[in-house]
PDB file of all heavy atoms in Angstrom:
ATOM      1  N   ILE A   1     -42.570   6.044  21.582  1.00  0.00           N
ATOM      2  CA  ILE A   1     -43.454   6.935  20.767  1.00  0.00           C
ATOM      3  C   ILE A   1     -44.142   8.000  21.775  1.00  0.00           C
ATOM      4  O   ILE A   1     -44.540   7.629  22.884  1.00  0.00           O
ATOM      5  CB  ILE A   1     -44.660   6.044  20.226  1.00  0.00           C
ATOM      6  CG1 ILE A   1     -44.172   4.823  19.531  1.00  0.00           C
ATOM      7  CG2 ILE A   1     -45.553   6.855  19.276  1.00  0.00           C
ATOM      8  CD1 ILE A   1     -45.168   3.720  19.263  1.00  0.00           C
ATOM      9  N   GLN A   2     -44.066   9.195  21.303  1.00  0.00           N
ATOM     10  CA  GLN A   2     -44.782  10.183  22.176  1.00  0.00           C
ATOM     11  C   GLN A   2     -46.315  10.171  21.620  1.00  0.00           C
ATOM     12  O   GLN A   2     -46.694   9.993  20.405  1.00  0.00           O
ATOM     13  CB  GLN A   2     -44.270  11.621  21.794  1.00  0.00           C
ATOM     14  CG  GLN A   2     -42.662  11.773  21.944  1.00  0.00           C
ATOM     15  CD  GLN A   2     -42.485  11.355  23.619  1.00  0.00           C
ATOM     16  OE1 GLN A   2     -43.353  11.717  24.518  1.00  0.00           O
ATOM     17  NE2 GLN A   2     -41.394  10.887  23.798  1.00  0.00           N
ATOM     18  N   GLY A   3     -47.146  10.368  22.556  1.00  0.00           N
ATOM     19  CA  GLY A   3     -48.646  10.114  22.310  1.00  0.00           C
ATOM     20  C   GLY A   3     -48.970   8.643  22.268  1.00  0.00           C
ATOM     21  O   GLY A   3     -48.240   8.010  22.981  1.00  0.00           O
ATOM     22  N   ALA A   4     -50.001   8.265  21.639  1.00  0.00           N
ATOM     23  CA  ALA A   4     -50.311   6.761  21.460  1.00  0.00           C
ATOM     24  C   ALA A   4     -50.410   6.213  22.807  1.00  0.00           C
ATOM     25  O   ALA A   4     -49.774   4.979  23.067  1.00  0.00           O
ATOM     26  CB  ALA A   4     -49.385   6.196  20.499  1.00  0.00           C
ATOM     27  N   GLY A   5     -51.142   6.677  23.779  1.00  0.00           N
ATOM     28  CA  GLY A   5     -51.300   6.036  25.108  1.00  0.00           C
ATOM     29  C   GLY A   5     -50.257   6.493  25.996  1.00  0.00           C
ATOM     30  O   GLY A   5     -50.267   6.024  27.148  1.00  0.00           O
ATOM     31  N   GLY A   6     -49.278   7.249  25.542  1.00  0.00           N
ATOM     32  CA  GLY A   6     -48.175   7.645  26.636  1.00  0.00           C
ATOM     33  C   GLY A   6     -48.147   9.283  26.614  1.00  0.00           C
ATOM     34  O   GLY A   6     -48.896   9.905  25.966  1.00  0.00           O
ATOM     35  N   ASP A   7     -47.092   9.772  27.247  1.00  0.00           N
ATOM     36  CA  ASP A   7     -46.863  11.310  27.254  1.00  0.00           C
ATOM     37  C   ASP A   7     -45.435  11.501  27.304  1.00  0.00           C
ATOM     38  O   ASP A   7     -44.518  10.599  27.336  1.00  0.00           O
ATOM     39  CB  ASP A   7     -47.632  11.962  28.393  1.00  0.00           C
ATOM     40  CG  ASP A   7     -47.258  11.280  29.810  1.00  0.00           C
ATOM     41  OD1 ASP A   7     -46.186  11.010  30.041  1.00  0.00           O
ATOM     42  OD2 ASP A   7     -48.235  11.137  30.527  1.00  0.00           O
ATOM     43  N   ALA A   8     -44.975  12.738  27.515  1.00  0.00           N
ATOM     44  CA  ALA A   8     -43.608  12.993  27.556  1.00  0.00           C
ATOM     45  C   ALA A   8     -42.784  12.353  28.610  1.00  0.00           C
ATOM     46  O   ALA A   8     -41.716  11.926  28.489  1.00  0.00           O
ATOM     47  CB  ALA A   8     -43.292  14.549  27.611  1.00  0.00           C
ATOM     48  N   ASP A   9     -43.459  12.227  29.744  1.00  0.00           N
ATOM     49  CA  ASP A   9     -42.764  11.541  30.972  1.00  0.00           C
ATOM     50  C   ASP A   9     -42.961  10.012  30.910  1.00  0.00           C
ATOM     51  O   ASP A   9     -42.154   9.283  31.511  1.00  0.00           O
ATOM     52  CB  ASP A   9     -43.405  12.008  32.245  1.00  0.00           C
ATOM     53  CG  ASP A   9     -43.204  13.647  32.467  1.00  0.00           C
ATOM     54  OD1 ASP A   9     -42.077  13.876  32.158  1.00  0.00           O
ATOM     55  OD2 ASP A   9     -43.976  14.301  32.974  1.00  0.00           O
ATOM     56  N   HIS A  10     -44.074   9.539  30.107  1.00  0.00           N
ATOM     57  CA  HIS A  10     -44.253   8.061  30.175  1.00  0.00           C
ATOM     58  C   HIS A  10     -44.555   7.701  28.708  1.00  0.00           C
ATOM     59  O   HIS A  10     -45.739   7.422  28.349  1.00  0.00           O
ATOM     60  CB  HIS A  10     -45.445   7.647  31.116  1.00  0.00           C
ATOM     61  CG  HIS A  10     -45.245   8.044  32.482  1.00  0.00           C
ATOM     62  ND1 HIS A  10     -45.624   9.168  33.069  1.00  0.00           N
ATOM     63  CD2 HIS A  10     -44.613   7.398  33.508  1.00  0.00           C
ATOM     64  CE1 HIS A  10     -45.340   9.317  34.315  1.00  0.00           C
ATOM     65  NE2 HIS A  10     -44.580   8.278  34.608  1.00  0.00           N
ATOM     66  N   PRO A  11     -43.659   7.748  27.828  1.00  0.00           N
ATOM     67  CA  PRO A  11     -43.755   7.413  26.442  1.00  0.00           C
ATOM     68  C   PRO A  11     -44.200   5.839  26.297  1.00  0.00           C
ATOM     69  O   PRO A  11     -43.795   5.040  27.058  1.00  0.00           O
ATOM     70  CB  PRO A  11     -42.516   7.774  25.752  1.00  0.00           C
ATOM     71  CG  PRO A  11     -41.370   7.575  26.815  1.00  0.00           C
ATOM     72  CD  PRO A  11     -42.139   7.956  28.117  1.00  0.00           C
ATOM     73  N   THR A  12     -44.839   5.563  25.224  1.00  0.00           N
ATOM     74  CA  THR A  12     -45.231   4.245  24.816  1.00  0.00           C
ATOM     75  C   THR A  12     -43.958   3.674  24.223  1.00  0.00           C
ATOM     76  O   THR A  12     -43.286   4.246  23.339  1.00  0.00           O
ATOM     77  CB  THR A  12     -46.314   4.189  23.847  1.00  0.00           C
ATOM     78  OG1 THR A  12     -47.581   4.692  24.344  1.00  0.00           O
ATOM     79  CG2 THR A  12     -46.557   2.683  23.397  1.00  0.00           C
ATOM     80  N   LEU A  13     -43.525   2.441  24.732  1.00  0.00           N
ATOM     81  CA  LEU A  13     -42.329   1.686  24.227  1.00  0.00           C
ATOM     82  C   LEU A  13     -42.635   0.770  23.092  1.00  0.00           C
ATOM     83  O   LEU A  13     -43.793   0.151  23.154  1.00  0.00           O
ATOM     84  CB  LEU A  13     -41.582   1.044  25.300  1.00  0.00           C
ATOM     85  CG  LEU A  13     -41.199   1.945  26.560  1.00  0.00           C
ATOM     86  CD1 LEU A  13     -40.476   1.187  27.651  1.00  0.00           C
ATOM     87  CD2 LEU A  13     -40.137   3.148  25.882  1.00  0.00           C
ATOM     88  N   VAL A  14     -41.805   0.641  22.205  1.00  0.00           N
ATOM     89  CA  VAL A  14     -42.004  -0.326  21.071  1.00  0.00           C
ATOM     90  C   VAL A  14     -40.713  -0.938  20.612  1.00  0.00           C
ATOM     91  O   VAL A  14     -39.630  -0.343  20.774  1.00  0.00           O
ATOM     92  CB  VAL A  14     -42.618   0.525  19.766  1.00  0.00           C
ATOM     93  CG1 VAL A  14     -41.636   1.518  19.390  1.00  0.00           C
ATOM     94  CG2 VAL A  14     -43.055  -0.428  18.779  1.00  0.00           C
ATOM     95  N   VAL A  15     -40.777  -2.240  20.203  1.00  0.00           N
ATOM     96  CA  VAL A  15     -39.646  -2.961  19.687  1.00  0.00           C
ATOM     97  C   VAL A  15     -39.825  -3.339  18.248  1.00  0.00           C
ATOM     98  O   VAL A  15     -41.133  -3.854  17.868  1.00  0.00           O
ATOM     99  CB  VAL A  15     -39.475  -4.161  20.550  1.00  0.00           C
ATOM    100  CG1 VAL A  15     -38.106  -4.969  20.023  1.00  0.00           C
ATOM    101  CG2 VAL A  15     -39.351  -3.854  21.967  1.00  0.00           C
ATOM    102  N   ALA A  16     -38.813  -3.234  17.448  1.00  0.00           N
ATOM    103  CA  ALA A  16     -39.105  -3.568  15.891  1.00  0.00           C
ATOM    104  C   ALA A  16     -37.736  -4.297  15.601  1.00  0.00           C
ATOM    105  O   ALA A  16     -36.519  -3.925  15.989  1.00  0.00           O
ATOM    106  CB  ALA A  16     -39.123  -2.327  15.137  1.00  0.00           C
ATOM    107  N   ARG A  17     -37.774  -5.280  14.679  1.00  0.00           N
ATOM    108  CA  ARG A  17     -36.590  -6.033  14.098  1.00  0.00           C
ATOM    109  C   ARG A  17     -36.223  -5.150  13.014  1.00  0.00           C
ATOM    110  O   ARG A  17     -37.050  -4.780  12.009  1.00  0.00           O
ATOM    111  CB  ARG A  17     -37.119  -7.475  13.775  1.00  0.00           C
ATOM    112  CG  ARG A  17     -35.758  -8.130  13.243  1.00  0.00           C
ATOM    113  CD  ARG A  17     -36.023  -9.693  13.201  1.00  0.00           C
ATOM    114  NE  ARG A  17     -36.925  -9.937  12.053  1.00  0.00           N
ATOM    115  CZ  ARG A  17     -37.380 -11.201  11.878  1.00  0.00           C
ATOM    116  NH1 ARG A  17     -37.012 -12.182  12.814  1.00  0.00           N
ATOM    117  NH2 ARG A  17     -38.183 -11.508  10.928  1.00  0.00           N
ATOM    118  N   VAL A  18     -34.985  -4.848  12.763  1.00  0.00           N
ATOM    119  CA  VAL A  18     -34.470  -4.110  11.831  1.00  0.00           C
ATOM    120  C   VAL A  18     -33.236  -4.832  11.167  1.00  0.00           C
ATOM    121  O   VAL A  18     -32.887  -5.716  11.580  1.00  0.00           O
ATOM    122  CB  VAL A  18     -33.996  -2.617  12.268  1.00  0.00           C
ATOM    123  CG1 VAL A  18     -35.152  -1.745  12.850  1.00  0.00           C
ATOM    124  CG2 VAL A  18     -33.001  -2.775  13.338  1.00  0.00           C
ATOM    125  N   ASN A  19     -32.827  -4.195   9.946  1.00  0.00           N
ATOM    126  CA  ASN A  19     -31.779  -4.780   9.268  1.00  0.00           C
ATOM    127  C   ASN A  19     -30.488  -4.769  10.196  1.00  0.00           C
ATOM    128  O   ASN A  19     -29.989  -3.706  10.357  1.00  0.00           O
ATOM    129  CB  ASN A  19     -31.465  -3.993   7.914  1.00  0.00           C
ATOM    130  CG  ASN A  19     -30.534  -4.688   6.990  1.00  0.00           C
ATOM    131  OD1 ASN A  19     -29.716  -5.465   7.407  1.00  0.00           O
ATOM    132  ND2 ASN A  19     -30.507  -4.229   5.748  1.00  0.00           N
ATOM    133  N   PRO A  20     -29.888  -5.989  10.370  1.00  0.00           N
ATOM    134  CA  PRO A  20     -28.687  -6.009  11.214  1.00  0.00           C
ATOM    135  C   PRO A  20     -27.468  -5.366  10.670  1.00  0.00           C
ATOM    136  O   PRO A  20     -26.445  -5.038  11.436  1.00  0.00           O
ATOM    137  CB  PRO A  20     -28.550  -7.407  11.476  1.00  0.00           C
ATOM    138  CG  PRO A  20     -29.139  -8.293  10.414  1.00  0.00           C
ATOM    139  CD  PRO A  20     -30.356  -7.310   9.982  1.00  0.00           C
ATOM    140  N   SER A  21     -27.494  -5.279   9.291  1.00  0.00           N
ATOM    141  CA  SER A  21     -26.301  -4.666   8.683  1.00  0.00           C
ATOM    142  C   SER A  21     -26.226  -3.135   8.726  1.00  0.00           C
ATOM    143  O   SER A  21     -25.231  -2.531   8.392  1.00  0.00           O
ATOM    144  CB  SER A  21     -26.230  -5.227   7.278  1.00  0.00           C
ATOM    145  OG  SER A  21     -27.253  -4.848   6.389  1.00  0.00           O
ATOM    146  N   SER A  22     -27.438  -2.549   8.864  1.00  0.00           N
ATOM    147  CA  SER A  22     -27.500  -1.132   8.905  1.00  0.00           C
ATOM    148  C   SER A  22     -28.579  -0.633   9.958  1.00  0.00           C
ATOM    149  O   SER A  22     -29.618  -0.044   9.419  1.00  0.00           O
ATOM    150  CB  SER A  22     -27.712  -0.566   7.512  1.00  0.00           C
ATOM    151  OG  SER A  22     -28.954  -1.101   6.984  1.00  0.00           O
ATOM    152  N   PRO A  23     -28.385  -0.900  11.106  1.00  0.00           N
ATOM    153  CA  PRO A  23     -29.496  -0.535  12.149  1.00  0.00           C
ATOM    154  C   PRO A  23     -29.359   0.983  12.402  1.00  0.00           C
ATOM    155  O   PRO A  23     -28.338   1.705  12.162  1.00  0.00           O
ATOM    156  CB  PRO A  23     -28.984  -1.178  13.376  1.00  0.00           C
ATOM    157  CG  PRO A  23     -27.530  -1.407  13.331  1.00  0.00           C
ATOM    158  CD  PRO A  23     -27.235  -1.736  11.831  1.00  0.00           C
ATOM    159  N   PRO A  24     -30.503   1.663  12.687  1.00  0.00           N
ATOM    160  CA  PRO A  24     -30.548   3.114  13.098  1.00  0.00           C
ATOM    161  C   PRO A  24     -29.565   3.310  14.254  1.00  0.00           C
ATOM    162  O   PRO A  24     -29.292   2.583  15.077  1.00  0.00           O
ATOM    163  CB  PRO A  24     -32.007   3.374  13.426  1.00  0.00           C
ATOM    164  CG  PRO A  24     -32.660   2.065  12.846  1.00  0.00           C
ATOM    165  CD  PRO A  24     -31.847   1.069  13.037  1.00  0.00           C
ATOM    166  N   GLU A  25     -29.209   4.674  14.370  1.00  0.00           N
ATOM    167  CA  GLU A  25     -28.324   5.112  15.514  1.00  0.00           C
ATOM    168  C   GLU A  25     -29.157   5.387  16.631  1.00  0.00           C
ATOM    169  O   GLU A  25     -30.349   5.857  16.577  1.00  0.00           O
ATOM    170  CB  GLU A  25     -27.675   6.401  14.940  1.00  0.00           C
ATOM    171  CG  GLU A  25     -26.633   6.275  13.908  1.00  0.00           C
ATOM    172  CD  GLU A  25     -25.395   5.399  14.288  1.00  0.00           C
ATOM    173  OE1 GLU A  25     -25.094   5.593  15.606  1.00  0.00           O
ATOM    174  OE2 GLU A  25     -24.823   4.680  13.535  1.00  0.00           O
ATOM    175  N   LYS A  26     -28.574   5.183  17.892  1.00  0.00           N
ATOM    176  CA  LYS A  26     -29.225   5.501  19.013  1.00  0.00           C
ATOM    177  C   LYS A  26     -29.432   7.024  19.163  1.00  0.00           C
ATOM    178  O   LYS A  26     -28.629   7.936  18.836  1.00  0.00           O
ATOM    179  CB  LYS A  26     -28.287   5.150  20.267  1.00  0.00           C
ATOM    180  CG  LYS A  26     -28.875   5.480  21.544  1.00  0.00           C
ATOM    181  CD  LYS A  26     -27.982   4.949  22.687  1.00  0.00           C
ATOM    182  CE  LYS A  26     -28.490   5.463  23.993  1.00  0.00           C
ATOM    183  NZ  LYS A  26     -27.665   5.007  25.162  1.00  0.00           N
ATOM    184  N   GLY A  27     -30.703   7.313  19.580  1.00  0.00           N
ATOM    185  CA  GLY A  27     -31.008   8.800  19.639  1.00  0.00           C
ATOM    186  C   GLY A  27     -31.581   9.402  18.390  1.00  0.00           C
ATOM    187  O   GLY A  27     -32.143  10.528  18.540  1.00  0.00           O
ATOM    188  N   SER A  28     -31.554   8.658  17.324  1.00  0.00           N
ATOM    189  CA  SER A  28     -32.160   9.193  16.017  1.00  0.00           C
ATOM    190  C   SER A  28     -33.644   8.973  16.135  1.00  0.00           C
ATOM    191  O   SER A  28     -34.236   8.169  16.935  1.00  0.00           O
ATOM    192  CB  SER A  28     -31.584   8.483  14.804  1.00  0.00           C
ATOM    193  OG  SER A  28     -31.764   7.147  14.907  1.00  0.00           O
ATOM    194  N   THR A  29     -34.360   9.639  15.145  1.00  0.00           N
ATOM    195  CA  THR A  29     -35.804   9.465  15.088  1.00  0.00           C
ATOM    196  C   THR A  29     -36.069   8.686  13.680  1.00  0.00           C
ATOM    197  O   THR A  29     -35.582   8.984  12.676  1.00  0.00           O
ATOM    198  CB  THR A  29     -36.529  10.833  15.011  1.00  0.00           C
ATOM    199  OG1 THR A  29     -36.355  11.464  16.372  1.00  0.00           O
ATOM    200  CG2 THR A  29     -38.015  10.647  14.848  1.00  0.00           C
ATOM    201  N   VAL A  30     -36.771   7.625  13.823  1.00  0.00           N
ATOM    202  CA  VAL A  30     -37.150   6.898  12.688  1.00  0.00           C
ATOM    203  C   VAL A  30     -38.672   6.683  12.630  1.00  0.00           C
ATOM    204  O   VAL A  30     -39.471   7.106  13.646  1.00  0.00           O
ATOM    205  CB  VAL A  30     -36.627   5.438  12.647  1.00  0.00           C
ATOM    206  CG1 VAL A  30     -35.096   5.525  12.612  1.00  0.00           C
ATOM    207  CG2 VAL A  30     -37.214   4.513  13.894  1.00  0.00           C
ATOM    208  N   HIS A  31     -39.222   6.314  11.503  1.00  0.00           N
ATOM    209  CA  HIS A  31     -40.666   6.119  11.326  1.00  0.00           C
ATOM    210  C   HIS A  31     -41.074   4.598  11.086  1.00  0.00           C
ATOM    211  O   HIS A  31     -40.369   3.993  10.139  1.00  0.00           O
ATOM    212  CB  HIS A  31     -41.329   6.931  10.083  1.00  0.00           C
ATOM    213  CG  HIS A  31     -41.186   8.461  10.472  1.00  0.00           C
ATOM    214  ND1 HIS A  31     -40.202   9.195  10.357  1.00  0.00           N
ATOM    215  CD2 HIS A  31     -42.288   9.171  10.812  1.00  0.00           C
ATOM    216  CE1 HIS A  31     -40.451  10.343  10.841  1.00  0.00           C
ATOM    217  NE2 HIS A  31     -41.746  10.365  10.860  1.00  0.00           N
ATOM    218  N   LEU A  32     -41.902   4.106  11.895  1.00  0.00           N
ATOM    219  CA  LEU A  32     -42.256   2.688  11.758  1.00  0.00           C
ATOM    220  C   LEU A  32     -43.702   2.607  11.314  1.00  0.00           C
ATOM    221  O   LEU A  32     -44.492   3.287  11.819  1.00  0.00           O
ATOM    222  CB  LEU A  32     -42.044   1.945  13.224  1.00  0.00           C
ATOM    223  CG  LEU A  32     -40.678   1.949  13.712  1.00  0.00           C
ATOM    224  CD1 LEU A  32     -40.718   1.296  15.026  1.00  0.00           C
ATOM    225  CD2 LEU A  32     -39.807   1.110  12.775  1.00  0.00           C
ATOM    226  N   ALA A  33     -43.891   1.545  10.441  1.00  0.00           N
ATOM    227  CA  ALA A  33     -45.262   1.329   9.925  1.00  0.00           C
ATOM    228  C   ALA A  33     -45.668  -0.088  10.216  1.00  0.00           C
ATOM    229  O   ALA A  33     -44.805  -1.106   9.932  1.00  0.00           O
ATOM    230  CB  ALA A  33     -45.258   1.589   8.542  1.00  0.00           C
ATOM    231  N   PRO A  34     -46.811  -0.369  10.933  1.00  0.00           N
ATOM    232  CA  PRO A  34     -47.264  -1.655  11.094  1.00  0.00           C
ATOM    233  C   PRO A  34     -47.674  -2.326   9.721  1.00  0.00           C
ATOM    234  O   PRO A  34     -48.558  -1.732   9.020  1.00  0.00           O
ATOM    235  CB  PRO A  34     -48.484  -1.615  11.957  1.00  0.00           C
ATOM    236  CG  PRO A  34     -48.306  -0.241  12.529  1.00  0.00           C
ATOM    237  CD  PRO A  34     -47.687   0.606  11.613  1.00  0.00           C
TER     238      PRO A  34
END
């Protein structure tokens, strides 16, 4: 995540469980909601 306690050089990292049958592609941008 850019921002949210990080910056371009030190982004905040996040892990999410997603649907194993159709996971997002590496390098793509997705939106996550708590």
